[in-house]
Amino acid sequence: MFSVYFDMGISYKPLFHLLIDRSIKRMELTKVISHPTLVKLDNNQPVDGKIIAKLCQHLGCQPGDIMEYVPEAND
């Protein structure tokens, strides 16, 4: 397994758009991740790569389907 942390510039908006597109409630994700981790995703805070892998497995998608890099003004 891998462990990755993102300091800044990562958005999980694609994850929440995917849930809407598939008519999946956010709380369904608590079957595979904890509620505090879901809150971190809501706030674009760093999460472990294992969390991304669990979400991808549960949703049948790739990491790029649930997160995106958003350049900061300084980039």
C-alpha atoms as a PDB file:
ATOM      1  CA  MET A   1       0.000   0.000   0.000  1.00  0.00           C
ATOM      2  CA  PHE A   2       0.969   3.589  -0.269  1.00  0.00           C
ATOM      3  CA  SER A   3       0.665   6.608   1.967  1.00  0.00           C
ATOM      4  CA  VAL A   4       0.296  10.052   0.460  1.00  0.00           C
ATOM      5  CA  TYR A   5      -0.495  13.368   2.085  1.00  0.00           C
ATOM      6  CA  PHE A   6      -1.423  16.489   0.188  1.00  0.00           C
ATOM      7  CA  ASP A   7      -0.497  19.782   1.779  1.00  0.00           C
ATOM      8  CA  MET A   8      -2.653  22.069  -0.337  1.00  0.00           C
ATOM      9  CA  GLY A   9      -4.159  22.353  -3.743  1.00  0.00           C
ATOM     10  CA  ILE A  10      -6.202  19.132  -3.683  1.00  0.00           C
ATOM     11  CA  SER A  11      -9.964  19.353  -4.019  1.00  0.00           C
ATOM     12  CA  TYR A  12     -12.387  16.517  -3.426  1.00  0.00           C
ATOM     13  CA  LYS A  13     -15.239  18.240  -5.265  1.00  0.00           C
ATOM     14  CA  PRO A  14     -15.130  15.540  -7.975  1.00  0.00           C
ATOM     15  CA  LEU A  15     -15.939  12.958  -5.284  1.00  0.00           C
ATOM     16  CA  PHE A  16     -19.070  14.794  -4.232  1.00  0.00           C
ATOM     17  CA  HIS A  17     -20.111  15.389  -7.855  1.00  0.00           C
ATOM     18  CA  LEU A  18     -19.669  11.653  -8.476  1.00  0.00           C
ATOM     19  CA  LEU A  19     -21.917  10.892  -5.511  1.00  0.00           C
ATOM     20  CA  ILE A  20     -24.586  13.233  -6.853  1.00  0.00           C
ATOM     21  CA  ASP A  21     -24.333  11.738 -10.348  1.00  0.00           C
ATOM     22  CA  ARG A  22     -24.774   8.243  -8.906  1.00  0.00           C
ATOM     23  CA  SER A  23     -27.478   9.261  -6.403  1.00  0.00           C
ATOM     24  CA  ILE A  24     -25.315   8.130  -3.485  1.00  0.00           C
ATOM     25  CA  LYS A  25     -25.729   9.808  -0.106  1.00  0.00           C
ATOM     26  CA  ARG A  26     -22.547  11.052   1.571  1.00  0.00           C
ATOM     27  CA  MET A  27     -23.259   8.985   4.660  1.00  0.00           C
ATOM     28  CA  GLU A  28     -22.972   5.803   2.576  1.00  0.00           C
ATOM     29  CA  LEU A  29     -19.248   6.482   2.503  1.00  0.00           C
ATOM     30  CA  THR A  30     -19.135   5.860   6.250  1.00  0.00           C
ATOM     31  CA  LYS A  31     -19.412   2.169   5.367  1.00  0.00           C
ATOM     32  CA  VAL A  32     -15.754   2.374   4.292  1.00  0.00           C
ATOM     33  CA  ILE A  33     -14.372   5.515   5.986  1.00  0.00           C
ATOM     34  CA  SER A  34     -15.015   7.187   9.317  1.00  0.00           C
ATOM     35  CA  HIS A  35     -17.235  10.215   9.750  1.00  0.00           C
ATOM     36  CA  PRO A  36     -14.244  12.417  10.782  1.00  0.00           C
ATOM     37  CA  THR A  37     -12.504  11.413   7.535  1.00  0.00           C
ATOM     38  CA  LEU A  38     -15.599  12.370   5.571  1.00  0.00           C
ATOM     39  CA  VAL A  39     -15.462  15.780   7.244  1.00  0.00           C
ATOM     40  CA  LYS A  40     -11.795  16.091   6.191  1.00  0.00           C
ATOM     41  CA  LEU A  41     -12.792  15.381   2.600  1.00  0.00           C
ATOM     42  CA  ASP A  42     -15.569  17.986   2.852  1.00  0.00           C
ATOM     43  CA  ASN A  43     -12.937  20.520   3.931  1.00  0.00           C
ATOM     44  CA  ASN A  44     -10.259  19.442   1.407  1.00  0.00           C
ATOM     45  CA  GLN A  45      -7.942  18.452   4.239  1.00  0.00           C
ATOM     46  CA  PRO A  46      -5.160  15.872   3.823  1.00  0.00           C
ATOM     47  CA  VAL A  47      -6.141  12.199   3.948  1.00  0.00           C
ATOM     48  CA  ASP A  48      -4.017   9.075   3.713  1.00  0.00           C
ATOM     49  CA  GLY A  49      -3.647   7.355   0.366  1.00  0.00           C
ATOM     50  CA  LYS A  50      -5.275   4.273   1.896  1.00  0.00           C
ATOM     51  CA  ILE A  51      -8.487   6.301   2.233  1.00  0.00           C
ATOM     52  CA  ILE A  52      -8.358   7.218  -1.452  1.00  0.00           C
ATOM     53  CA  ALA A  53      -7.821   3.538  -2.305  1.00  0.00           C
ATOM     54  CA  LYS A  54     -10.798   2.464  -0.144  1.00  0.00           C
ATOM     55  CA  LEU A  55     -13.049   5.044  -1.780  1.00  0.00           C
ATOM     56  CA  CYS A  56     -11.951   4.022  -5.272  1.00  0.00           C
ATOM     57  CA  GLN A  57     -12.574   0.367  -4.502  1.00  0.00           C
ATOM     58  CA  HIS A  58     -16.008   1.091  -3.010  1.00  0.00           C
ATOM     59  CA  LEU A  59     -17.060   3.403  -5.852  1.00  0.00           C
ATOM     60  CA  GLY A  60     -15.356   1.481  -8.668  1.00  0.00           C
ATOM     61  CA  CYS A  61     -13.390   4.476  -9.873  1.00  0.00           C
ATOM     62  CA  GLN A  62      -9.882   5.935 -10.198  1.00  0.00           C
ATOM     63  CA  PRO A  63      -8.277   8.575  -7.916  1.00  0.00           C
ATOM     64  CA  GLY A  64      -8.643  11.200 -10.656  1.00  0.00           C
ATOM     65  CA  ASP A  65     -12.396  10.620 -10.548  1.00  0.00           C
ATOM     66  CA  ILE A  66     -12.634  11.757  -6.913  1.00  0.00           C
ATOM     67  CA  MET A  67      -9.945  14.412  -6.523  1.00  0.00           C
ATOM     68  CA  GLU A  68      -8.211  17.097  -8.523  1.00  0.00           C
ATOM     69  CA  TYR A  69      -5.234  19.385  -8.228  1.00  0.00           C
ATOM     70  CA  VAL A  70      -6.198  23.028  -7.994  1.00  0.00           C
ATOM     71  CA  PRO A  71      -3.228  25.355  -8.526  1.00  0.00           C
ATOM     72  CA  GLU A  72      -2.871  28.122  -6.016  1.00  0.00           C
ATOM     73  CA  ALA A  73      -2.408  31.725  -7.069  1.00  0.00           C
ATOM     74  CA  ASN A  74       1.371  31.432  -6.429  1.00  0.00           C
ATOM     75  CA  ASP A  75       1.783  28.303  -8.627  1.00  0.00           C
END
